[in-house]
Amino acid sequence: MLDISKKIVTDEEGTPVAVQIDYSDWEQIEEQLRSSPEAKESGSSFESTLEMTRDIWTGEDGLTYQRQIRSEWEQRGNADTES
């Protein structure tokens, strides 16, 4: 088990909202996650991610949808700058 120094970040009401750790601690955590048996079993490769997410999107062609949304963002952005 790693001995990790952490700082709890709270909101104005004192409710914990985040944890801050040193970057070197994060690198150690990341390495342990990568080398864990669960990560190897689940197949953390790009191909396995594609396989796991296949057929989730049932709408139109994904690229067509993405272009449509980006076009709407650009139109909104231009409308904001013209005001």
C-alpha atoms as a PDB file:
ATOM      1  CA  MET A   1       0.000   0.000   0.000  1.00  0.00           C
ATOM      2  CA  LEU A   2       1.251   3.466  -0.860  1.00  0.00           C
ATOM      3  CA  ASP A   3       1.659   6.148   1.769  1.00  0.00           C
ATOM      4  CA  ILE A   4       0.028   9.094  -0.003  1.00  0.00           C
ATOM      5  CA  SER A   5      -0.062  12.605   1.367  1.00  0.00           C
ATOM      6  CA  LYS A   6      -3.362  14.190   0.402  1.00  0.00           C
ATOM      7  CA  LYS A   7      -5.179  17.473   0.856  1.00  0.00           C
ATOM      8  CA  ILE A   8      -8.968  17.592   0.974  1.00  0.00           C
ATOM      9  CA  VAL A   9     -10.480  20.498  -0.962  1.00  0.00           C
ATOM     10  CA  THR A  10     -13.814  21.716   0.389  1.00  0.00           C
ATOM     11  CA  ASP A  11     -16.491  24.123  -0.785  1.00  0.00           C
ATOM     12  CA  GLU A  12     -17.722  27.153   1.158  1.00  0.00           C
ATOM     13  CA  GLU A  13     -19.885  24.907   3.346  1.00  0.00           C
ATOM     14  CA  GLY A  14     -17.007  22.605   4.262  1.00  0.00           C
ATOM     15  CA  THR A  15     -18.208  19.732   2.077  1.00  0.00           C
ATOM     16  CA  PRO A  16     -15.335  17.771   0.504  1.00  0.00           C
ATOM     17  CA  VAL A  17     -15.311  18.250  -3.269  1.00  0.00           C
ATOM     18  CA  ALA A  18     -11.849  17.079  -4.350  1.00  0.00           C
ATOM     19  CA  VAL A  19      -8.578  15.539  -3.242  1.00  0.00           C
ATOM     20  CA  GLN A  20      -5.187  16.967  -4.137  1.00  0.00           C
ATOM     21  CA  ILE A  21      -2.091  14.751  -4.188  1.00  0.00           C
ATOM     22  CA  ASP A  22       1.524  15.243  -5.237  1.00  0.00           C
ATOM     23  CA  TYR A  23       2.251  14.480  -8.870  1.00  0.00           C
ATOM     24  CA  SER A  24       4.862  11.857  -7.937  1.00  0.00           C
ATOM     25  CA  ASP A  25       2.191  10.038  -5.892  1.00  0.00           C
ATOM     26  CA  TRP A  26      -0.152  10.173  -8.882  1.00  0.00           C
ATOM     27  CA  GLU A  27       2.510   8.606 -11.107  1.00  0.00           C
ATOM     28  CA  GLN A  28       2.906   5.731  -8.643  1.00  0.00           C
ATOM     29  CA  ILE A  29      -0.861   5.192  -8.541  1.00  0.00           C
ATOM     30  CA  GLU A  30      -1.068   5.260 -12.315  1.00  0.00           C
ATOM     31  CA  GLU A  31       1.705   2.679 -12.628  1.00  0.00           C
ATOM     32  CA  GLN A  32      -0.004   0.362 -10.144  1.00  0.00           C
ATOM     33  CA  LEU A  33      -3.296   0.692 -12.000  1.00  0.00           C
ATOM     34  CA  ARG A  34      -1.639  -0.116 -15.315  1.00  0.00           C
ATOM     35  CA  SER A  35       0.079  -3.190 -13.935  1.00  0.00           C
ATOM     36  CA  SER A  36      -2.891  -4.505 -11.962  1.00  0.00           C
ATOM     37  CA  PRO A  37      -4.359  -7.865 -12.995  1.00  0.00           C
ATOM     38  CA  GLU A  38      -7.788  -6.249 -13.443  1.00  0.00           C
ATOM     39  CA  ALA A  39      -6.420  -3.813 -16.029  1.00  0.00           C
ATOM     40  CA  LYS A  40      -4.804  -6.617 -17.976  1.00  0.00           C
ATOM     41  CA  GLU A  41      -7.928  -8.796 -17.836  1.00  0.00           C
ATOM     42  CA  SER A  42     -10.265  -6.035 -18.947  1.00  0.00           C
ATOM     43  CA  GLY A  43      -8.048  -5.252 -21.907  1.00  0.00           C
ATOM     44  CA  SER A  44      -7.230  -1.596 -21.644  1.00  0.00           C
ATOM     45  CA  SER A  45      -6.322  -1.314 -25.301  1.00  0.00           C
ATOM     46  CA  PHE A  46      -8.008   0.942 -27.802  1.00  0.00           C
ATOM     47  CA  GLU A  47      -9.406  -2.057 -29.648  1.00  0.00           C
ATOM     48  CA  SER A  48     -11.048  -3.481 -26.537  1.00  0.00           C
ATOM     49  CA  THR A  49     -12.558  -0.077 -25.771  1.00  0.00           C
ATOM     50  CA  LEU A  50     -14.041   0.020 -29.259  1.00  0.00           C
ATOM     51  CA  GLU A  51     -15.452  -3.469 -28.760  1.00  0.00           C
ATOM     52  CA  MET A  52     -17.004  -2.562 -25.392  1.00  0.00           C
ATOM     53  CA  THR A  53     -18.673   0.577 -26.774  1.00  0.00           C
ATOM     54  CA  ARG A  54     -19.804  -0.834 -30.104  1.00  0.00           C
ATOM     55  CA  ASP A  55     -23.495  -0.215 -30.914  1.00  0.00           C
ATOM     56  CA  ILE A  56     -24.082   2.188 -28.013  1.00  0.00           C
ATOM     57  CA  TRP A  57     -24.828   5.054 -30.408  1.00  0.00           C
ATOM     58  CA  THR A  58     -28.027   4.245 -32.274  1.00  0.00           C
ATOM     59  CA  GLY A  59     -28.629   7.618 -33.906  1.00  0.00           C
ATOM     60  CA  GLU A  60     -27.403   8.840 -37.244  1.00  0.00           C
ATOM     61  CA  ASP A  61     -23.840   8.532 -38.482  1.00  0.00           C
ATOM     62  CA  GLY A  62     -21.560   9.660 -35.642  1.00  0.00           C
ATOM     63  CA  LEU A  63     -19.370  11.879 -37.805  1.00  0.00           C
ATOM     64  CA  THR A  64     -22.404  13.605 -39.310  1.00  0.00           C
ATOM     65  CA  TYR A  65     -23.769  14.263 -35.828  1.00  0.00           C
ATOM     66  CA  GLN A  66     -20.424  15.582 -34.604  1.00  0.00           C
ATOM     67  CA  ARG A  67     -20.170  18.013 -37.526  1.00  0.00           C
ATOM     68  CA  GLN A  68     -23.745  19.209 -36.931  1.00  0.00           C
ATOM     69  CA  ILE A  69     -23.087  19.896 -33.247  1.00  0.00           C
ATOM     70  CA  ARG A  70     -19.825  21.710 -33.980  1.00  0.00           C
ATOM     71  CA  SER A  71     -21.606  23.849 -36.546  1.00  0.00           C
ATOM     72  CA  GLU A  72     -24.231  24.781 -33.934  1.00  0.00           C
ATOM     73  CA  TRP A  73     -21.471  25.693 -31.450  1.00  0.00           C
ATOM     74  CA  GLU A  74     -19.795  27.905 -34.049  1.00  0.00           C
ATOM     75  CA  GLN A  75     -23.097  29.635 -34.838  1.00  0.00           C
ATOM     76  CA  ARG A  76     -23.717  30.292 -31.149  1.00  0.00           C
ATOM     77  CA  GLY A  77     -20.164  31.559 -30.723  1.00  0.00           C
ATOM     78  CA  ASN A  78     -20.585  33.977 -33.651  1.00  0.00           C
ATOM     79  CA  ALA A  79     -23.931  35.166 -32.261  1.00  0.00           C
ATOM     80  CA  ASP A  80     -22.266  35.901 -28.900  1.00  0.00           C
ATOM     81  CA  THR A  81     -19.499  37.977 -30.495  1.00  0.00           C
ATOM     82  CA  GLU A  82     -21.937  39.964 -32.655  1.00  0.00           C
ATOM     83  CA  SER A  83     -24.019  41.167 -29.693  1.00  0.00           C
END
